[in-house]
Protein backbone atom coordinates (compact mmCIF):
# COMPACT_ATOMS: atom_id res chain seq x y z
CA MET A 1 -8.31 34.53 3.76
CA LYS A 2 -9.07 31.15 5.35
CA ILE A 3 -7.99 27.95 3.62
CA LEU A 4 -8.62 24.33 4.67
CA HIS A 5 -5.91 21.74 3.93
CA THR A 6 -6.74 18.03 3.79
CA SER A 7 -5.32 15.04 1.92
CA ASP A 8 -5.02 11.26 1.58
CA TRP A 9 -8.71 10.42 1.65
CA HIS A 10 -8.00 7.00 0.05
CA LEU A 11 -11.67 6.53 -0.76
CA GLY A 12 -12.50 2.87 -1.31
CA LYS A 13 -9.69 1.60 0.92
CA ARG A 14 -10.34 -1.50 3.01
CA LEU A 15 -8.54 -2.85 6.05
CA GLU A 16 -8.23 -6.56 5.35
CA ASN A 17 -11.89 -7.67 5.10
CA PHE A 18 -13.29 -4.52 6.70
CA SER A 19 -14.90 -1.84 4.53
CA ARG A 20 -14.22 1.75 5.65
CA MET A 21 -16.87 3.33 3.43
CA GLU A 22 -19.28 4.34 6.21
CA GLU A 23 -16.41 5.84 8.19
CA GLN A 24 -15.18 7.74 5.13
CA GLN A 25 -18.65 9.10 4.52
CA ALA A 26 -18.90 10.27 8.14
CA VAL A 27 -15.47 11.93 8.24
CA LEU A 28 -15.98 13.73 4.91
CA GLN A 29 -19.27 15.07 6.23
CA GLU A 30 -17.34 16.26 9.29
CA ILE A 31 -14.81 18.04 7.05
CA CYS A 32 -17.67 19.74 5.17
CA GLU A 33 -19.15 20.91 8.48
CA ILE A 34 -15.77 22.27 9.61
CA ALA A 35 -15.42 24.20 6.35
CA ASP A 36 -18.84 25.81 6.91
CA THR A 37 -18.36 26.46 10.63
CA GLU A 38 -14.97 28.11 10.07
CA ASN A 39 -16.28 30.07 7.07
CA VAL A 40 -13.43 28.77 4.92
CA ASP A 41 -12.73 30.58 1.63
CA ALA A 42 -11.02 27.71 -0.22
CA VAL A 43 -10.21 24.01 0.24
CA LEU A 44 -7.00 22.23 -0.81
CA VAL A 45 -7.03 18.43 -1.21
CA ALA A 46 -3.41 17.29 -1.57
CA GLY A 47 -3.71 13.98 -3.41
CA ASP A 48 -4.48 10.29 -2.87
CA LEU A 49 -8.14 11.06 -3.35
CA PHE A 50 -8.82 7.39 -4.07
CA ASP A 51 -7.00 4.28 -2.91
CA THR A 52 -6.62 2.70 -6.35
CA PHE A 53 -6.54 3.72 -10.01
CA ASN A 54 -9.94 2.02 -10.44
CA PRO A 55 -11.93 2.76 -7.28
CA PRO A 56 -15.34 1.18 -6.61
CA THR A 57 -18.44 3.03 -7.75
CA GLU A 58 -19.53 3.92 -4.22
CA ALA A 59 -16.14 5.58 -3.59
CA VAL A 60 -16.46 7.67 -6.75
CA ASP A 61 -20.01 8.72 -5.79
CA LEU A 62 -18.88 9.72 -2.30
CA PHE A 63 -15.96 11.70 -3.71
CA TYR A 64 -18.01 13.92 -6.00
CA LYS A 65 -20.79 14.44 -3.47
CA ALA A 66 -18.26 15.51 -0.81
CA LEU A 67 -16.48 17.93 -3.16
CA LYS A 68 -19.77 19.46 -4.27
CA LYS A 69 -20.75 20.06 -0.61
CA LEU A 70 -17.37 21.66 0.04
CA THR A 71 -17.87 24.16 -2.81
CA LYS A 72 -20.94 25.69 -1.09
CA ASN A 73 -22.82 25.94 -4.39
CA GLY A 74 -19.88 27.39 -6.27
CA TYR A 75 -18.94 30.08 -3.76
CA ARG A 76 -15.90 28.19 -2.39
CA PRO A 77 -13.20 26.83 -4.73
CA VAL A 78 -11.96 23.30 -4.07
CA ILE A 79 -8.57 22.50 -5.62
CA ALA A 80 -7.75 18.78 -5.72
CA ILE A 81 -4.65 17.13 -7.19
CA ALA A 82 -3.66 13.54 -7.98
CA GLY A 83 -1.48 11.51 -5.62
CA ASN A 84 0.53 8.36 -6.21
CA HIS A 85 -2.59 6.20 -5.66
CA ASP A 86 -4.66 8.14 -8.21
CA SER A 87 -5.09 7.86 -11.96
CA PRO A 88 -4.32 11.34 -13.32
CA ASP A 89 -6.67 10.79 -16.24
CA ARG A 90 -9.51 9.72 -13.96
CA ILE A 91 -8.97 12.78 -11.77
CA GLU A 92 -9.14 15.15 -14.72
CA ALA A 93 -11.91 13.36 -16.67
CA PRO A 94 -14.87 15.25 -15.09
CA ASP A 95 -13.05 18.59 -15.18
CA PRO A 96 -15.47 20.52 -17.48
CA LEU A 97 -18.48 19.64 -15.32
CA ALA A 98 -16.50 20.02 -12.08
CA ARG A 99 -15.53 23.60 -12.98
CA GLU A 100 -19.23 24.47 -13.18
CA CYS A 101 -19.39 23.61 -9.45
CA GLY A 102 -16.19 25.44 -8.49
CA ILE A 103 -14.02 22.30 -8.37
CA ILE A 104 -10.55 22.50 -9.92
CA PHE A 105 -8.70 19.26 -10.72
CA ALA A 106 -5.04 18.78 -11.65
CA GLY A 107 -3.87 15.29 -12.55
CA TYR A 108 -0.44 16.10 -13.98
CA PRO A 109 2.38 18.49 -12.97
CA ASN A 110 1.97 20.28 -16.31
CA SER A 111 -1.84 20.45 -16.28
CA ILE A 112 -3.35 23.78 -17.31
CA VAL A 113 -6.65 24.87 -15.73
CA PRO A 114 -8.84 26.59 -18.37
CA PRO A 115 -10.06 30.05 -17.31
CA PHE A 116 -13.73 30.17 -16.28
CA GLN A 117 -16.18 32.24 -14.25
CA LEU A 118 -19.28 31.24 -12.26
CA ASP A 119 -22.38 33.27 -11.49
CA SER A 120 -21.24 33.26 -7.85
CA GLY A 121 -18.25 35.43 -8.81
CA LEU A 122 -15.68 32.62 -8.47
CA LYS A 123 -13.26 33.07 -11.35
CA VAL A 124 -9.96 31.69 -12.63
CA ILE A 125 -8.11 34.86 -13.62
CA GLN A 126 -5.06 33.25 -15.20
CA SER A 127 -3.28 29.91 -15.34
CA SER A 128 -0.31 28.15 -16.85
CA GLU A 129 1.36 24.75 -16.46
CA GLY A 130 1.35 24.05 -12.72
CA PHE A 131 -0.26 27.35 -11.71
CA VAL A 132 -3.73 28.82 -11.19
CA GLU A 133 -4.94 32.19 -9.87
CA ILE A 134 -8.48 32.50 -8.52
CA THR A 135 -10.76 35.27 -7.33
CA ILE A 136 -13.12 34.18 -4.56
CA PRO A 137 -16.56 35.62 -3.85
CA GLY A 138 -16.39 38.01 -0.89
CA GLN A 139 -12.60 38.36 -1.11
CA ASN A 140 -10.80 41.37 -2.59
CA ILE A 141 -7.49 39.50 -2.87
CA PRO A 142 -6.71 36.61 -5.25
CA LEU A 143 -5.54 33.11 -4.33
CA ARG A 144 -2.50 31.87 -6.27
CA VAL A 145 -1.70 28.15 -6.19
CA LEU A 146 1.43 26.39 -7.48
CA LEU A 147 0.19 22.88 -8.38
CA THR A 148 2.48 19.83 -8.43
CA PRO A 149 0.52 16.56 -8.45
CA TYR A 150 2.45 13.31 -8.03
CA ALA A 151 4.50 11.79 -10.82
CA ASN A 152 7.55 9.54 -10.61
CA GLU A 153 10.93 11.14 -11.15
CA PHE A 154 11.25 10.35 -14.86
CA ARG A 155 7.79 11.69 -15.66
CA LEU A 156 8.25 14.77 -13.51
CA LYS A 157 11.40 15.66 -15.42
CA THR A 158 9.58 15.04 -18.70
CA TYR A 159 6.63 17.22 -17.72
CA LEU A 160 8.97 19.98 -16.59
CA GLY A 161 10.86 19.85 -19.88
CA ASN A 162 14.18 18.42 -18.69
CA GLU A 163 15.11 14.73 -19.02
CA ASN A 164 18.76 15.22 -18.05
CA GLU A 165 19.56 12.30 -15.72
CA GLU A 166 22.25 14.36 -13.99
CA HIS A 167 19.87 17.21 -13.16
CA GLU A 168 18.55 16.70 -9.65
CA LEU A 169 14.76 16.61 -9.46
CA ARG A 170 14.65 18.90 -6.43
CA THR A 171 16.74 21.49 -8.30
CA LEU A 172 14.52 21.26 -11.35
CA LEU A 173 11.38 21.65 -9.23
CA GLN A 174 12.89 24.62 -7.43
CA GLU A 175 13.71 26.32 -10.72
CA ASN A 176 10.20 25.71 -12.04
CA TRP A 177 8.51 26.90 -8.83
CA GLU A 178 10.70 30.00 -8.65
CA LYS A 179 9.91 30.85 -12.27
CA LEU A 180 6.16 30.61 -11.62
CA ALA A 181 6.43 32.51 -8.32
CA ALA A 182 8.39 35.33 -9.96
CA LEU A 183 5.78 35.64 -12.72
CA TYR A 184 2.60 35.42 -10.64
CA CYS A 185 3.17 35.53 -6.86
CA ASP A 186 3.63 39.12 -5.74
CA SER A 187 2.55 40.50 -2.36
CA ASN A 188 -0.88 41.55 -3.60
CA GLY A 189 -2.39 38.08 -3.18
CA VAL A 190 -2.21 34.90 -1.12
CA ASN A 191 0.39 32.46 -2.48
CA VAL A 192 0.37 28.73 -1.64
CA LEU A 193 2.02 25.55 -2.90
CA LEU A 194 -0.07 22.36 -3.26
CA SER A 195 1.78 19.10 -3.91
CA HIS A 196 1.86 15.35 -3.35
CA LEU A 197 5.55 14.57 -2.95
CA PHE A 198 7.98 13.60 -0.21
CA VAL A 199 9.34 16.75 1.44
CA VAL A 200 11.82 17.02 4.32
CA LYS A 201 13.88 19.68 6.02
CA LYS A 202 17.45 19.21 4.82
CA GLY A 203 19.43 17.36 7.46
CA ASP A 204 16.40 16.03 9.34
CA LYS A 205 15.76 12.32 9.74
CA GLN A 206 13.20 11.07 7.26
CA PRO A 207 9.94 10.03 8.92
CA GLU A 208 8.79 6.42 8.66
CA GLU A 209 6.01 5.67 6.20
CA PRO A 210 3.31 3.00 6.08
CA GLU A 211 4.44 -0.04 4.07
CA ASP A 212 1.95 0.61 1.26
CA GLU A 213 3.30 4.16 0.80
CA LYS A 214 7.02 3.38 0.69
CA PRO A 215 7.29 2.83 -3.10
CA ILE A 216 7.20 6.61 -3.61
CA LEU A 217 10.70 6.77 -2.10
CA HIS A 218 12.17 3.84 -3.97
CA VAL A 219 12.31 2.43 -7.50
CA GLY A 220 10.02 4.46 -9.75
CA GLY A 221 9.36 6.98 -7.03
CA ALA A 222 10.53 10.54 -6.71
CA GLN A 223 13.51 12.07 -4.96
CA ALA A 224 12.81 13.76 -1.63
CA ILE A 225 12.31 17.53 -1.92
CA TYR A 226 13.85 19.93 0.60
CA THR A 227 11.89 22.73 2.19
CA GLU A 228 14.62 25.11 1.07
CA ASN A 229 13.51 24.40 -2.53
CA ILE A 230 10.21 26.20 -1.88
CA PRO A 231 10.13 29.81 -3.20
CA LYS A 232 10.25 32.62 -0.65
CA GLN A 233 7.01 34.10 -2.03
CA ILE A 234 5.02 31.08 -0.82
CA GLN A 235 3.13 31.69 2.43
CA TYR A 236 1.99 28.11 3.06
CA ALA A 237 2.95 24.74 1.52
CA ALA A 238 0.25 22.04 1.60
CA PHE A 239 1.54 18.49 1.08
CA GLY A 240 -0.07 15.10 0.86
CA HIS A 241 1.37 11.57 1.05
CA LEU A 242 2.34 10.95 4.70
CA HIS A 243 -0.63 9.90 6.82
CA ARG A 244 0.49 11.55 10.06
CA MET A 245 -0.24 15.26 10.35
CA HIS A 246 2.97 17.13 11.07
CA LEU A 247 4.89 20.34 10.54
CA VAL A 248 7.90 19.72 8.31
CA ASP A 249 9.44 23.20 8.61
CA THR A 250 8.62 26.83 9.37
CA GLU A 251 10.92 28.23 6.64
CA PRO A 252 10.47 29.70 4.15
CA CYS A 253 6.87 29.27 5.29
CA PRO A 254 4.82 26.73 7.29
CA VAL A 255 5.24 23.42 5.41
CA TYR A 256 2.67 20.83 6.50
CA TYR A 257 1.39 17.36 5.82
CA SER A 258 -2.27 17.34 6.83
CA GLY A 259 -2.31 13.55 7.12
CA SER A 260 -5.18 11.21 6.32
CA PRO A 261 -8.64 11.75 7.84
CA LEU A 262 -8.77 8.13 9.08
CA SER A 263 -6.14 5.68 10.27
CA TYR A 264 -5.62 3.24 7.42
CA SER A 265 -3.05 0.80 8.82
CA PHE A 266 -1.98 -0.34 12.27
CA ALA A 267 1.20 1.67 11.82
CA GLU A 268 -1.20 4.59 12.46
CA ALA A 269 -2.73 3.04 15.60
CA ASN A 270 -3.75 5.63 18.22
CA GLN A 271 -2.99 8.56 15.90
CA LYS A 272 -5.17 11.64 16.17
CA LYS A 273 -6.39 12.84 12.79
CA GLN A 274 -6.80 16.48 11.79
CA VAL A 275 -7.41 18.96 9.04
CA ILE A 276 -5.38 22.16 8.93
CA LEU A 277 -6.90 25.64 8.95
CA ILE A 278 -4.73 28.34 7.37
CA ASP A 279 -5.41 32.00 8.07
CA THR A 280 -3.31 34.36 5.99
CA GLU A 281 -3.16 37.70 4.23
CA PRO A 282 -0.86 39.03 1.49
CA GLY A 283 2.79 39.38 2.41
CA GLU A 284 2.49 37.52 5.72
CA LYS A 285 3.34 33.98 6.81
CA ALA A 286 0.24 31.90 7.34
CA LYS A 287 -1.18 31.27 10.80
CA VAL A 288 -1.97 27.59 11.23
CA SER A 289 -4.45 25.70 13.43
CA GLN A 290 -5.01 21.93 13.67
CA LEU A 291 -8.65 20.88 13.94
CA GLU A 292 -9.17 17.34 15.23
CA LEU A 293 -11.42 14.91 13.37
CA THR A 294 -13.57 12.68 15.56
CA LYS A 295 -15.38 10.38 13.14
CA GLY A 296 -14.36 6.85 12.26
CA ARG A 297 -13.24 3.84 14.26
CA LYS A 298 -9.90 4.03 16.02
CA LEU A 299 -7.23 1.50 15.14
CA LEU A 300 -5.89 -0.04 18.34
CA ARG A 301 -3.19 -2.54 19.19
CA PHE A 302 -3.40 -4.57 22.39
CA ARG A 303 -1.21 -7.27 23.89
CA ALA A 304 -3.23 -9.52 26.17
CA GLU A 305 -1.88 -11.95 28.76
CA GLY A 306 -4.51 -14.62 28.38
CA ILE A 307 -8.10 -14.92 27.20
CA ASP A 308 -9.70 -13.25 30.23
CA GLN A 309 -7.66 -10.06 29.89
CA ALA A 310 -8.33 -9.98 26.15
CA LEU A 311 -12.10 -10.35 26.61
CA GLU A 312 -12.18 -7.59 29.24
CA TRP A 313 -10.24 -5.16 27.04
CA LEU A 314 -12.26 -5.98 23.94
CA ASN A 315 -15.48 -5.30 25.84
CA GLU A 316 -14.16 -1.85 26.83
CA ASN A 317 -13.07 -0.92 23.27
CA GLN A 318 -16.00 -1.91 21.10
CA ASN A 319 -15.92 1.03 18.66
CA SER A 320 -12.51 0.21 17.23
CA LEU A 321 -10.63 -1.99 14.79
CA VAL A 322 -8.15 -4.19 16.60
CA GLU A 323 -4.81 -5.90 16.14
CA LEU A 324 -4.73 -8.31 19.08
CA THR A 325 -1.58 -10.06 20.28
CA MET A 326 -2.45 -13.06 22.45
CA VAL A 327 0.21 -14.17 24.94
CA THR A 328 -0.67 -17.67 26.19
CA ASP A 329 0.90 -20.76 27.70
CA THR A 330 -0.36 -22.92 24.85
CA PHE A 331 -1.57 -22.53 21.30
CA LEU A 332 -4.89 -20.79 20.70
CA THR A 333 -7.70 -23.25 20.21
CA ALA A 334 -10.65 -22.87 17.85
CA GLN A 335 -12.82 -22.29 20.92
CA ASP A 336 -10.54 -19.43 22.04
CA ARG A 337 -10.83 -17.78 18.64
CA LYS A 338 -14.60 -18.17 18.69
CA LEU A 339 -14.79 -16.49 22.12
CA LEU A 340 -12.70 -13.56 20.90
CA GLY A 341 -14.72 -13.19 17.70
CA ASN A 342 -18.01 -13.21 19.59
CA ALA A 343 -16.72 -10.57 22.02
CA HIS A 344 -15.77 -8.00 19.34
CA ASN A 345 -16.78 -7.50 15.69
CA GLY A 346 -13.71 -5.45 14.79
CA ILE A 347 -10.82 -7.86 15.29
CA VAL A 348 -8.73 -7.51 12.13
CA THR A 349 -5.76 -9.66 13.15
CA ILE A 350 -4.93 -12.04 16.00
CA ILE A 351 -1.21 -12.57 16.56
CA PRO A 352 -0.49 -15.61 18.77
CA GLU A 353 2.53 -15.33 21.05
CA VAL A 354 3.18 -18.61 22.85
CA LYS A 355 5.33 -18.68 25.98
CA ASN A 356 8.03 -21.36 25.93
CA LYS A 357 7.05 -22.20 22.37
CA THR A 358 10.10 -24.38 21.77
CA GLU A 359 9.41 -26.55 24.80
CA LEU A 360 5.75 -26.85 23.88
CA MET A 361 6.53 -27.89 20.32
CA GLU A 362 9.07 -30.46 21.52
CA SER A 363 6.58 -31.96 23.96
CA LYS A 364 3.91 -32.13 21.27
CA SER A 365 6.31 -33.64 18.74
CA LYS A 366 7.07 -36.50 21.13
CA GLY A 367 3.40 -37.41 21.00
CA ILE A 368 3.15 -37.70 17.20
CA ASP A 369 1.20 -40.81 16.22
CA MET A 370 3.06 -42.16 13.20
CA SER A 371 0.34 -44.76 12.60
CA LYS A 372 -1.89 -41.99 11.14
CA ASN A 373 -2.03 -41.40 7.39
CA MET A 374 -0.53 -38.32 5.72
CA GLU A 375 -3.81 -36.34 5.64
CA GLU A 376 -4.40 -36.95 9.36
CA LEU A 377 -0.84 -35.97 10.22
CA PHE A 378 -1.20 -32.79 8.16
CA SER A 379 -4.44 -31.97 9.97
CA ASP A 380 -2.71 -32.44 13.35
CA TYR A 381 0.23 -30.27 12.27
CA PHE A 382 -2.04 -27.52 10.94
CA GLU A 383 -3.99 -27.43 14.21
CA HIS A 384 -0.73 -27.42 16.20
CA SER A 385 0.70 -24.57 14.08
CA LYS A 386 -2.39 -22.40 13.52
CA GLY A 387 -4.47 -23.12 16.59
CA GLN A 388 -7.42 -24.44 14.57
CA LYS A 389 -8.26 -27.35 12.29
CA PRO A 390 -7.85 -26.88 8.52
CA ASN A 391 -11.06 -26.25 6.60
CA GLN A 392 -12.17 -28.45 3.72
CA ASP A 393 -10.58 -26.22 1.06
CA ILE A 394 -7.16 -26.54 2.69
CA LYS A 395 -7.61 -30.31 3.04
CA ASN A 396 -8.52 -30.56 -0.65
CA LEU A 397 -5.47 -28.50 -1.63
CA PHE A 398 -3.20 -30.76 0.43
CA ALA A 399 -4.76 -33.81 -1.20
CA GLU A 400 -4.01 -32.34 -4.64
CA ILE A 401 -0.38 -31.77 -3.64
CA LEU A 402 -0.09 -35.38 -2.52
CA ALA A 403 -1.63 -36.56 -5.78
CA VAL A 404 0.86 -34.55 -7.86
CA ARG A 405 3.73 -35.92 -5.78
CA ASP A 406 2.52 -39.48 -6.30
CA GLU A 407 2.27 -38.92 -10.07
CA GLN A 408 5.83 -37.60 -10.21
CA GLU A 409 7.12 -40.57 -8.29
């Protein structure tokens, strides 16, 4: 049996003012083509399907169209769970219609997938809270999936029927997974775990996360799960949440984060993105292959020593989104920024780094003309600090602040 593991699509996500919708459309089409080329039997999408609880309409449209393509007209099951960026209710809302296409949604850790059968032969044989067993057209062995979508620690304990504050979450999850595995996961089928939680090998250093993903580890988040908490019957564990594809552990089975299909922050600059192909049979550990994704603009960081070097590098890296650090002898002028903007349409951030900044500021401060009024002095300071003159909105805001101060005096 061949299974494709992907996660963290974050449909609708932007990078500052840059929409990523066209890139997301291209990379999801690439994933669909990989599934067809590799003759995949099932697809696992391990959470963070959208970037927000209320995604834009175009993101929702893209999501359902991509999932429908992946199902190959109901011959290939697609199992998708909610992540910490998703609304569980939104994920499960289209479930009755989705099942008619071979799409299985789970928004909550205690969700139950209703049994159904399609004309293609795809069938949910049995299910319970956090578990589903599926027969797949063309396969004589069933696929069993333990499902644990994201929930914070309090809600996870509630869903699993234990609100004891002293009971460790990882222990509770282990007990629940082992109970399900003992009931349903014998060696006559393929057994996988699908979850959107933070998992580590006990004793290993925890990997760094993007800033916008860190809340899952902190207040309101969920305790890290150890790979040793995964039942021995599981042949592959598919996780979502971390955006870098990596192998967490090989015991008791291959435990992987597939990572996001696109780089979504500059913490992911220069990362290669992949989907994971799992090839397994009953009673055997899964064989795993990483398949690189090529669509989408790369996120690149560059530190330029002067305008000329920056312009040359920008010209050579046009199909990218850029965080540019400018090292100069003086502050960037408005003309400098205009040159950079004209040279590349994907500059997300320019970080000025001025050599001998203290000396430069001291020399400029000696030339302050105290005969100017407050608005003129503010304009000079803003240009000195930001490398460009303030626009009219900023000038108006400063004037309002002065007016309030005068009233208070």
